[in-house]
Amino acid sequence: MTDLNVNGAMLVPILIYLVVMFAIAWWSQQRQQGSFLQEYLVGNRAMGGFMLAMTLAATYASASSFIGGPGAAYKFGLGWVLLAMIQLPAAWLTLGVLGKKFAIEARRHNALTINDMLYSRYQHKGVVILASISLLLAFLGTMVVQFVGAARLLEVVTGLDYLWCLAIFALTVGLYTTLGGFRAVAVTDSLQGIIMIIGTFALLIGVIVAGGGLGNLITELHAIDPGLITPQGPDNFISQPFILSFWVLVCFGVIGLPHAAFRCMTYKDSNAFHRGMVISTLVVAILMLGMHLAGALGRAIVPGIEVPDQIMPTLMLAVLPPVVAGIFLAGPMAAIMSTIDSLLIQSSATMVKDLYLNYINPKAADNDRLLSRLSLWTTAIFALIVFVAAIKPPQMIIWLNLLAMGALQAVFLWPLVLGLYWKKANANGALSSMVIGLACYATLAIVKPDMGGVHAIVPTLALSLVTFIVMSLATPARAGAKLSR
């Protein structure tokens, strides 16, 4: 079989998948009900348990999980697989900590965005403006990761230049997100989650079979570098302080990610919430273990890859038949698209709802036609900006993704959690915590002092928590800022 035929066999499932995504976006647009913002931003708060679980898991399992994480496992071995499993309870924690109370408050205040929730709690424009700017900048970094991951994947499969692959992906995801809004995002996330699970099983089984069994693969890894089969990894890279930091960054701190917390505003009832907690945890466990283990074991099959982010598409081509590889390639594509569409929707919401309607033109709130046009154009322009930023990609996208995650947590974690559960929390505490957290994290990320393996997010969250508590206790709350009982 020629290379052209092989590529064609792999491309057909991906093309079919993309056509289905557009069909869902068109279907979702036809089903829009009620006000434009309610439908476009939160899907009229109508998600069931399965859809809640899949959209949360699919959004969390991004290009970093399917491209960057396995790339790190390829480089650092089985120790990184153990490290990745720290993420297992992330979805459970997000729904468990925020969950019902977050949904109740969102409905009580008719909040459509995370910043709506912050304003209803603290009644302070400075909190909303700083949160909006921080969200847009951090989302820019996170979306660059997704665009780079998708382009890397298409580059390996199609043989096209990286820039062409980047352009194809940007056009595709920009169009279908712009057309369908949150309902399309939720429905496609459910489909994408199923594809990701099937693809994960297919790849892991293919790797084990191609490598002659698990025992043989472990032996090969030991021959390459004994550190690849130890918990600490080569050169003891994975230290205990790093493990603690990683738990804070990719598990506990996920509660403060706006695109994860936002899901808590959109489910329809308590039954959906409880089903969502169980299913999302199971899905995250399958995806994290399967993908990272495949990446680590893959080094025994295709050693010598210089760009670790290319391991997953390269491995698929090496161990799977072309058609099956094409079906699986829709898996990481699904993970990437399910994250990027959510981020685009929230970026659009931040620009239109949180900034334009609140501070520029409040009278436009009832003009659905204007809001529709603004949201569509904002989504498209933001996708174009991310495309330009992704033209020169980093070698390993996981570090950029973790950097953006930390920035979001530094700003949002304590204002969201303490705002929900601590009656004495006030705007002065929240704003001070956000400023100090962002400044501390940015300083540590730029200066990079030696902290013995501790990630910058740990001292950042500790300092911002102390700042929040001290300032809230030392200053009076603003009038109208109350926590519901």
Protein backbone atom coordinates (compact mmCIF):
# COMPACT_ATOMS: atom_id res chain seq x y z
CA MET A 1 0.00 0.00 0.00
CA THR A 2 1.37 3.44 -0.87
CA ASP A 3 1.82 6.23 1.63
CA LEU A 4 -0.95 8.14 -0.13
CA ASN A 5 -3.38 5.24 0.39
CA VAL A 6 -2.32 4.88 4.01
CA ASN A 7 -2.85 8.57 4.67
CA GLY A 8 -6.19 8.42 2.86
CA ALA A 9 -7.36 5.53 5.03
CA MET A 10 -6.44 7.48 8.14
CA LEU A 11 -7.93 10.76 6.98
CA VAL A 12 -11.39 9.38 6.14
CA PRO A 13 -12.45 8.81 9.81
CA ILE A 14 -11.16 12.27 10.77
CA LEU A 15 -13.06 13.93 7.90
CA ILE A 16 -16.23 12.06 8.83
CA TYR A 17 -15.76 13.17 12.42
CA LEU A 18 -15.39 16.83 11.42
CA VAL A 19 -18.51 16.64 9.24
CA VAL A 20 -20.45 15.25 12.22
CA MET A 21 -19.21 18.14 14.39
CA PHE A 22 -20.53 20.68 11.88
CA ALA A 23 -23.85 18.83 11.68
CA ILE A 24 -24.21 18.98 15.46
CA ALA A 25 -23.41 22.69 15.47
CA TRP A 26 -26.09 23.32 12.83
CA TRP A 27 -28.61 21.15 14.73
CA SER A 28 -27.86 23.02 17.97
CA GLN A 29 -28.38 26.36 16.29
CA GLN A 30 -31.81 25.24 15.05
CA ARG A 31 -32.83 24.21 18.59
CA GLN A 32 -31.99 27.50 20.28
CA GLN A 33 -34.74 28.62 22.64
CA GLY A 34 -35.28 31.65 24.85
CA SER A 35 -32.81 34.51 25.05
CA PHE A 36 -29.64 34.34 23.00
CA LEU A 37 -27.27 34.62 25.98
CA GLN A 38 -29.05 31.95 28.03
CA GLU A 39 -28.89 29.52 25.12
CA TYR A 40 -25.47 30.41 23.68
CA LEU A 41 -23.60 30.59 27.00
CA VAL A 42 -25.23 27.97 29.29
CA GLY A 43 -27.55 25.94 27.02
CA ASN A 44 -30.56 26.92 29.16
CA ARG A 45 -29.02 24.95 32.07
CA ALA A 46 -30.39 21.68 30.69
CA MET A 47 -27.49 19.21 30.87
CA GLY A 48 -28.19 15.67 32.11
CA GLY A 49 -25.76 13.59 34.18
CA PHE A 50 -24.01 11.81 31.31
CA MET A 51 -23.58 15.01 29.32
CA LEU A 52 -22.32 16.87 32.41
CA ALA A 53 -19.75 14.13 33.06
CA MET A 54 -18.54 13.92 29.50
CA THR A 55 -18.29 17.66 28.92
CA LEU A 56 -16.36 18.09 32.19
CA ALA A 57 -14.03 15.16 31.49
CA ALA A 58 -13.59 16.06 27.81
CA THR A 59 -12.81 19.68 28.65
CA TYR A 60 -10.30 18.63 31.32
CA ALA A 61 -8.66 16.01 29.05
CA SER A 62 -7.14 18.46 26.61
CA ALA A 63 -4.17 18.47 24.24
CA SER A 64 -1.99 18.37 27.34
CA SER A 65 -3.56 15.05 28.38
CA PHE A 66 -3.46 13.47 24.90
CA ILE A 67 -0.33 15.06 23.43
CA GLY A 68 1.72 16.83 26.12
CA GLY A 69 1.18 14.40 29.03
CA PRO A 70 2.05 11.25 27.05
CA GLY A 71 5.00 13.19 25.63
CA ALA A 72 6.24 13.80 29.17
CA ALA A 73 5.64 10.11 30.01
CA TYR A 74 7.69 9.20 26.92
CA LYS A 75 10.55 11.31 28.25
CA PHE A 76 10.32 10.56 31.99
CA GLY A 77 8.91 7.01 31.99
CA LEU A 78 6.53 5.15 34.29
CA GLY A 79 7.10 7.61 37.13
CA TRP A 80 5.21 10.22 35.11
CA VAL A 81 2.32 7.76 34.70
CA LEU A 82 2.03 7.52 38.49
CA LEU A 83 2.27 11.30 38.70
CA ALA A 84 -0.50 11.73 36.13
CA MET A 85 -2.89 9.58 38.19
CA ILE A 86 -2.90 12.33 40.81
CA GLN A 87 -5.49 13.92 38.50
CA LEU A 88 -7.99 11.08 39.02
CA PRO A 89 -10.27 12.87 41.57
CA ALA A 90 -10.11 16.27 39.82
CA ALA A 91 -13.64 16.11 38.37
CA TRP A 92 -15.02 14.71 41.63
CA LEU A 93 -13.45 17.55 43.61
CA THR A 94 -14.70 20.23 41.23
CA LEU A 95 -18.30 19.03 41.37
CA GLY A 96 -18.09 18.10 45.05
CA VAL A 97 -16.71 21.43 46.29
CA LEU A 98 -18.55 23.81 43.94
CA GLY A 99 -21.40 21.64 42.62
CA LYS A 100 -24.82 22.23 44.12
CA LYS A 101 -24.08 25.47 45.93
CA PHE A 102 -22.54 26.97 42.82
CA ALA A 103 -25.57 25.98 40.73
CA ILE A 104 -28.00 27.38 43.31
CA GLU A 105 -26.19 30.71 43.44
CA ALA A 106 -25.97 30.88 39.64
CA ARG A 107 -29.72 30.41 39.29
CA ARG A 108 -30.48 32.78 42.15
CA HIS A 109 -28.50 35.60 40.50
CA ASN A 110 -29.20 34.51 36.91
CA ALA A 111 -25.43 34.27 36.43
CA LEU A 112 -24.30 33.25 32.95
CA THR A 113 -20.52 33.49 33.49
CA ILE A 114 -17.98 32.93 36.24
CA ASN A 115 -17.52 36.69 36.50
CA ASP A 116 -21.28 37.10 36.99
CA MET A 117 -20.86 34.89 40.03
CA LEU A 118 -17.95 36.96 41.34
CA TYR A 119 -19.84 40.22 40.92
CA SER A 120 -23.00 38.92 42.57
CA ARG A 121 -20.91 37.80 45.55
CA TYR A 122 -18.53 40.76 45.95
CA GLN A 123 -20.34 43.67 44.21
CA HIS A 124 -17.01 45.11 43.04
CA LYS A 125 -16.14 46.11 39.47
CA GLY A 126 -12.42 45.78 40.11
CA VAL A 127 -12.82 42.08 40.93
CA VAL A 128 -14.66 41.45 37.66
CA ILE A 129 -12.30 43.49 35.48
CA LEU A 130 -9.15 41.87 36.90
CA ALA A 131 -10.74 38.42 36.65
CA SER A 132 -11.79 39.08 33.04
CA ILE A 133 -8.33 40.25 31.93
CA SER A 134 -6.63 37.36 33.72
CA LEU A 135 -9.04 34.86 32.19
CA LEU A 136 -8.51 36.12 28.66
CA LEU A 137 -4.71 36.09 28.95
CA ALA A 138 -4.53 32.65 30.56
CA PHE A 139 -7.08 31.22 28.11
CA LEU A 140 -4.90 32.56 25.29
CA GLY A 141 -2.01 30.42 26.54
CA THR A 142 -4.23 27.39 27.08
CA MET A 143 -5.76 27.67 23.62
CA VAL A 144 -2.33 27.99 22.03
CA VAL A 145 -1.57 24.60 23.59
CA GLN A 146 -4.68 23.10 21.98
CA PHE A 147 -3.94 24.61 18.56
CA VAL A 148 -0.33 23.39 18.64
CA GLY A 149 -1.42 19.90 19.74
CA ALA A 150 -3.94 19.60 16.92
CA ALA A 151 -1.49 20.90 14.32
CA ARG A 152 1.20 18.46 15.50
CA LEU A 153 -1.27 15.62 15.16
CA LEU A 154 -2.38 16.60 11.65
CA GLU A 155 1.23 17.27 10.65
CA VAL A 156 2.28 13.68 11.39
CA VAL A 157 -0.81 12.14 9.78
CA THR A 158 -1.11 14.20 6.61
CA GLY A 159 2.51 15.09 5.98
CA LEU A 160 1.42 18.69 5.42
CA ASP A 161 3.40 21.65 6.71
CA TYR A 162 2.71 22.61 10.35
CA LEU A 163 1.31 26.00 9.35
CA TRP A 164 -1.24 24.46 6.95
CA CYS A 165 -2.36 22.01 9.63
CA LEU A 166 -2.71 24.85 12.12
CA ALA A 167 -4.83 26.84 9.66
CA ILE A 168 -7.13 23.86 8.94
CA PHE A 169 -7.76 23.25 12.63
CA ALA A 170 -8.30 26.93 13.46
CA LEU A 171 -10.88 27.27 10.68
CA THR A 172 -12.72 24.11 11.68
CA VAL A 173 -13.02 24.69 15.40
CA GLY A 174 -13.70 28.41 14.99
CA LEU A 175 -16.60 27.79 12.61
CA TYR A 176 -18.39 25.06 14.53
CA THR A 177 -18.02 26.81 17.91
CA THR A 178 -19.27 30.08 16.44
CA LEU A 179 -22.29 28.35 14.89
CA GLY A 180 -23.51 26.22 17.77
CA GLY A 181 -22.75 27.85 21.11
CA PHE A 182 -22.73 25.96 24.41
CA ARG A 183 -25.39 23.41 23.42
CA ALA A 184 -23.21 22.30 20.52
CA VAL A 185 -20.18 22.22 22.83
CA ALA A 186 -21.99 20.00 25.37
CA VAL A 187 -23.34 17.57 22.76
CA THR A 188 -20.04 17.30 20.89
CA ASP A 189 -18.17 16.87 24.17
CA SER A 190 -20.32 13.81 24.91
CA LEU A 191 -19.50 12.30 21.52
CA GLN A 192 -15.86 13.29 21.86
CA GLY A 193 -15.63 11.69 25.30
CA ILE A 194 -16.84 8.36 23.92
CA ILE A 195 -14.34 8.56 21.06
CA MET A 196 -11.54 9.35 23.50
CA ILE A 197 -12.32 6.31 25.66
CA ILE A 198 -12.47 3.92 22.69
CA GLY A 199 -9.30 5.39 21.22
CA THR A 200 -7.44 5.09 24.52
CA PHE A 201 -8.22 1.39 24.82
CA ALA A 202 -7.33 0.79 21.16
CA LEU A 203 -3.95 2.48 21.42
CA LEU A 204 -2.92 0.90 24.73
CA ILE A 205 -3.81 -2.59 23.48
CA GLY A 206 -1.99 -1.90 20.20
CA VAL A 207 1.15 -0.79 22.05
CA ILE A 208 1.20 -3.86 24.32
CA VAL A 209 0.65 -6.25 21.40
CA ALA A 210 3.25 -4.53 19.17
CA GLY A 211 5.78 -4.57 22.01
CA GLY A 212 5.42 -8.32 22.65
CA GLY A 213 3.68 -7.94 25.99
CA LEU A 214 3.95 -5.69 29.04
CA GLY A 215 6.94 -7.55 30.50
CA ASN A 216 8.97 -7.22 27.34
CA LEU A 217 8.19 -3.51 27.07
CA ILE A 218 9.36 -2.91 30.66
CA THR A 219 12.57 -4.80 29.90
CA GLU A 220 13.17 -2.61 26.83
CA LEU A 221 12.59 0.56 28.86
CA HIS A 222 15.11 -0.63 31.46
CA ALA A 223 17.65 -1.22 28.71
CA ILE A 224 17.17 2.33 27.40
CA ASP A 225 17.42 3.93 30.86
CA PRO A 226 16.78 2.22 34.22
CA GLY A 227 15.27 5.48 35.49
CA LEU A 228 12.35 5.06 33.06
CA ILE A 229 10.84 2.30 35.25
CA THR A 230 11.37 4.01 38.63
CA PRO A 231 8.92 6.35 40.42
CA GLN A 232 11.53 9.12 40.37
CA GLY A 233 12.23 8.95 36.63
CA PRO A 234 15.60 9.57 34.92
CA ASP A 235 18.02 11.63 37.03
CA ASN A 236 15.45 11.62 39.90
CA PHE A 237 13.48 14.34 38.12
CA ILE A 238 10.22 13.49 39.94
CA SER A 239 11.04 14.48 43.52
CA GLN A 240 8.63 14.40 46.48
CA PRO A 241 8.22 18.21 46.53
CA PHE A 242 7.42 18.08 42.81
CA ILE A 243 4.77 15.39 43.44
CA LEU A 244 3.12 17.56 46.12
CA SER A 245 3.21 20.57 43.81
CA PHE A 246 1.75 18.56 40.96
CA TRP A 247 -1.15 17.43 43.16
CA VAL A 248 -1.93 21.05 44.00
CA LEU A 249 -1.63 22.16 40.37
CA VAL A 250 -3.52 19.44 38.47
CA CYS A 251 -5.94 18.12 41.10
CA PHE A 252 -6.87 20.40 44.02
CA GLY A 253 -6.30 23.59 42.07
CA VAL A 254 -8.58 22.45 39.25
CA ILE A 255 -11.48 23.65 41.42
CA GLY A 256 -10.33 27.17 40.55
CA LEU A 257 -10.27 26.71 36.77
CA PRO A 258 -13.10 28.82 35.30
CA HIS A 259 -13.83 26.43 32.42
CA ALA A 260 -14.23 23.54 34.89
CA ALA A 261 -16.19 25.55 37.49
CA PHE A 262 -18.46 26.85 34.74
CA ARG A 263 -19.86 23.32 34.20
CA CYS A 264 -21.37 23.48 37.69
CA MET A 265 -23.75 26.19 36.43
CA THR A 266 -25.28 24.20 33.58
CA TYR A 267 -26.74 20.88 34.82
CA LYS A 268 -30.51 20.53 35.19
CA ASP A 269 -31.11 18.77 38.55
CA SER A 270 -29.61 16.87 41.50
CA ASN A 271 -29.81 13.48 39.79
CA ALA A 272 -27.78 14.83 36.88
CA PHE A 273 -25.25 16.25 39.33
CA HIS A 274 -24.72 12.96 41.20
CA ARG A 275 -24.48 10.87 38.02
CA GLY A 276 -22.06 13.40 36.61
CA MET A 277 -19.70 13.08 39.60
CA VAL A 278 -19.40 9.30 39.27
CA ILE A 279 -19.16 9.07 35.48
CA SER A 280 -16.70 11.95 35.08
CA THR A 281 -14.33 10.47 37.67
CA LEU A 282 -14.38 7.09 35.92
CA VAL A 283 -13.77 8.67 32.50
CA VAL A 284 -10.86 10.81 33.75
CA ALA A 285 -9.28 7.71 35.35
CA ILE A 286 -9.47 5.72 32.10
CA LEU A 287 -8.10 8.54 29.96
CA MET A 288 -5.24 9.52 32.25
CA LEU A 289 -4.00 5.97 32.86
CA GLY A 290 -4.43 4.75 29.29
CA MET A 291 -2.85 7.70 27.50
CA HIS A 292 0.11 8.21 29.81
CA LEU A 293 0.90 4.50 30.03
CA ALA A 294 0.82 4.26 26.23
CA GLY A 295 3.21 7.21 26.01
CA ALA A 296 5.66 5.72 28.50
CA LEU A 297 5.63 2.24 26.94
CA GLY A 298 5.82 3.74 23.46
CA ARG A 299 9.46 4.68 24.00
CA ALA A 300 10.33 0.99 23.74
CA ILE A 301 8.66 0.82 20.31
CA VAL A 302 9.68 4.13 18.72
CA PRO A 303 12.78 5.39 20.60
CA GLY A 304 14.67 8.48 19.58
CA ILE A 305 11.81 10.93 18.94
CA GLU A 306 13.30 14.41 19.35
CA VAL A 307 9.98 16.26 19.85
CA PRO A 308 8.08 14.40 22.62
CA ASP A 309 4.77 16.00 21.59
CA GLN A 310 4.91 13.92 18.41
CA ILE A 311 4.92 10.58 20.24
CA MET A 312 1.16 9.95 20.21
CA PRO A 313 0.46 10.36 16.47
CA THR A 314 3.76 8.60 15.68
CA LEU A 315 2.84 5.71 17.97
CA MET A 316 -0.62 5.39 16.43
CA LEU A 317 0.89 5.03 12.98
CA ALA A 318 3.37 2.46 14.28
CA VAL A 319 1.03 0.06 16.12
CA LEU A 320 -2.42 0.42 14.54
CA PRO A 321 -3.82 -0.40 11.08
CA PRO A 322 -4.42 2.76 9.02
CA VAL A 323 -8.22 2.84 9.38
CA VAL A 324 -8.08 2.08 13.11
CA ALA A 325 -5.34 4.70 13.52
CA GLY A 326 -7.57 7.20 11.74
CA ILE A 327 -10.45 6.41 14.10
CA PHE A 328 -8.20 6.82 17.08
CA LEU A 329 -6.68 10.03 15.77
CA ALA A 330 -10.17 11.46 16.12
CA GLY A 331 -9.70 10.77 19.88
CA PRO A 332 -6.99 13.34 20.61
CA MET A 333 -8.62 15.63 18.05
CA ALA A 334 -11.82 15.27 20.08
CA ALA A 335 -9.98 16.07 23.32
CA ILE A 336 -8.45 19.17 21.79
CA MET A 337 -11.66 20.42 20.18
CA SER A 338 -13.71 19.80 23.34
CA THR A 339 -11.34 22.01 25.31
CA ILE A 340 -10.85 24.75 22.73
CA ASP A 341 -14.57 25.19 22.03
CA SER A 342 -15.28 25.61 25.74
CA LEU A 343 -12.51 28.18 26.10
CA LEU A 344 -13.69 30.09 23.04
CA ILE A 345 -17.25 30.25 24.38
CA GLN A 346 -16.05 31.54 27.75
CA SER A 347 -13.69 34.05 26.16
CA SER A 348 -16.56 35.37 24.07
CA ALA A 349 -18.76 35.51 27.18
CA THR A 350 -16.10 37.46 29.05
CA MET A 351 -15.76 40.03 26.29
CA VAL A 352 -19.45 40.42 25.49
CA LYS A 353 -21.25 39.74 28.78
CA ASP A 354 -18.73 40.68 31.46
CA LEU A 355 -17.10 43.69 29.82
CA TYR A 356 -19.26 45.04 26.95
CA LEU A 357 -22.70 44.68 28.56
CA ASN A 358 -21.62 45.57 32.07
CA TYR A 359 -19.37 48.55 31.39
CA ILE A 360 -19.77 49.74 27.80
CA ASN A 361 -23.37 49.30 26.60
CA PRO A 362 -25.76 47.92 29.26
CA LYS A 363 -28.76 48.90 27.08
CA ALA A 364 -27.84 46.16 24.59
CA ALA A 365 -28.91 43.42 27.05
CA ASP A 366 -32.28 42.98 25.30
CA ASN A 367 -30.95 43.17 21.76
CA ASP A 368 -30.46 39.48 20.90
CA ARG A 369 -29.51 40.25 17.28
CA LEU A 370 -26.67 42.57 18.33
CA LEU A 371 -25.46 40.19 21.04
CA SER A 372 -25.49 37.31 18.60
CA ARG A 373 -23.34 39.19 16.11
CA LEU A 374 -20.94 40.40 18.80
CA SER A 375 -20.54 36.89 20.24
CA LEU A 376 -19.92 35.33 16.85
CA TRP A 377 -17.38 37.94 15.80
CA THR A 378 -15.63 37.87 19.18
CA THR A 379 -15.29 34.07 19.00
CA ALA A 380 -13.91 34.25 15.45
CA ILE A 381 -11.44 37.05 16.23
CA PHE A 382 -10.18 35.31 19.36
CA ALA A 383 -9.61 32.11 17.35
CA LEU A 384 -7.60 34.16 14.83
CA ILE A 385 -5.45 35.67 17.60
CA VAL A 386 -4.71 32.20 19.00
CA PHE A 387 -3.82 30.98 15.50
CA VAL A 388 -1.22 33.74 15.13
CA ALA A 389 0.19 33.02 18.61
CA ALA A 390 0.56 29.31 17.79
CA ILE A 391 2.60 29.82 14.61
CA LYS A 392 5.87 29.35 16.55
CA PRO A 393 5.16 26.47 18.96
CA PRO A 394 7.17 25.36 22.03
CA GLN A 395 8.83 21.94 21.90
CA MET A 396 6.75 20.54 24.80
CA ILE A 397 3.27 22.04 25.19
CA ILE A 398 2.68 20.55 28.64
CA TRP A 399 4.79 23.24 30.34
CA LEU A 400 2.85 26.08 28.69
CA ASN A 401 -0.43 24.41 29.66
CA LEU A 402 0.63 24.00 33.30
CA LEU A 403 1.81 27.63 33.38
CA ALA A 404 -1.61 28.87 32.19
CA MET A 405 -3.43 26.56 34.64
CA GLY A 406 -1.43 27.96 37.53
CA ALA A 407 -2.22 31.55 36.54
CA LEU A 408 -5.96 30.84 36.51
CA GLN A 409 -5.79 29.12 39.89
CA ALA A 410 -3.82 32.01 41.39
CA VAL A 411 -6.62 34.40 40.43
CA PHE A 412 -9.83 32.36 40.78
CA LEU A 413 -9.42 29.58 43.37
CA TRP A 414 -9.88 31.41 46.65
CA PRO A 415 -12.43 34.01 45.45
CA LEU A 416 -14.63 31.16 44.17
CA VAL A 417 -14.26 28.73 47.09
CA LEU A 418 -14.19 31.21 49.98
CA GLY A 419 -16.86 33.30 48.31
CA LEU A 420 -19.17 30.29 48.43
CA TYR A 421 -18.42 29.03 51.92
CA TRP A 422 -17.07 31.87 54.08
CA LYS A 423 -19.53 34.55 55.16
CA LYS A 424 -16.79 37.03 56.08
CA ALA A 425 -15.19 36.93 52.64
CA ASN A 426 -15.43 40.35 51.01
CA ALA A 427 -14.32 42.29 47.93
CA ASN A 428 -11.21 43.69 49.59
CA GLY A 429 -10.04 40.20 50.47
CA ALA A 430 -10.88 38.81 47.04
CA LEU A 431 -9.24 41.62 45.07
CA SER A 432 -6.12 41.63 47.23
CA SER A 433 -5.83 37.86 46.95
CA MET A 434 -6.14 38.03 43.16
CA VAL A 435 -3.52 40.79 42.81
CA ILE A 436 -1.02 39.19 45.19
CA GLY A 437 -1.61 35.72 43.75
CA LEU A 438 -1.09 36.83 40.17
CA ALA A 439 1.95 38.96 41.02
CA CYS A 440 3.56 36.18 43.08
CA TYR A 441 2.95 33.53 40.43
CA ALA A 442 4.22 35.72 37.59
CA THR A 443 7.34 36.67 39.55
CA LEU A 444 8.21 33.08 40.45
CA ALA A 445 7.51 31.88 36.89
CA ILE A 446 9.81 34.54 35.41
CA VAL A 447 12.62 34.55 37.98
CA LYS A 448 12.48 30.76 38.55
CA PRO A 449 14.24 30.63 41.92
CA ASP A 450 15.43 27.26 43.23
CA MET A 451 12.67 26.04 45.55
CA GLY A 452 13.82 22.44 45.84
CA GLY A 453 11.35 21.06 43.32
CA VAL A 454 8.32 22.97 44.66
CA HIS A 455 6.18 24.46 41.88
CA ALA A 456 5.39 28.18 41.97
CA ILE A 457 1.68 27.45 42.51
CA VAL A 458 2.23 26.18 46.08
CA PRO A 459 3.68 29.37 47.66
CA THR A 460 1.37 31.41 45.43
CA LEU A 461 -1.82 29.80 46.73
CA ALA A 462 -0.55 29.88 50.32
CA LEU A 463 0.26 33.61 50.12
CA SER A 464 -2.98 34.52 48.34
CA LEU A 465 -5.01 32.56 50.93
CA VAL A 466 -3.38 34.41 53.83
CA THR A 467 -3.91 37.71 52.01
CA PHE A 468 -7.59 36.93 51.41
CA ILE A 469 -8.24 36.05 55.06
CA VAL A 470 -6.33 38.98 56.55
CA MET A 471 -7.86 41.60 54.26
CA SER A 472 -11.38 40.23 54.67
CA LEU A 473 -11.11 40.32 58.47
CA ALA A 474 -9.42 43.73 58.53
CA THR A 475 -11.88 45.58 56.26
CA PRO A 476 -15.70 45.86 56.11
CA ALA A 477 -17.75 44.15 53.40
CA ARG A 478 -19.39 46.25 50.70
CA ALA A 479 -23.10 46.84 50.89
CA GLY A 480 -25.15 44.27 48.95
CA ALA A 481 -22.45 41.62 48.92
CA LYS A 482 -23.99 38.66 50.73
CA LEU A 483 -23.65 34.91 50.80
CA SER A 484 -26.90 32.97 50.45
CA ARG A 485 -27.79 30.63 53.28
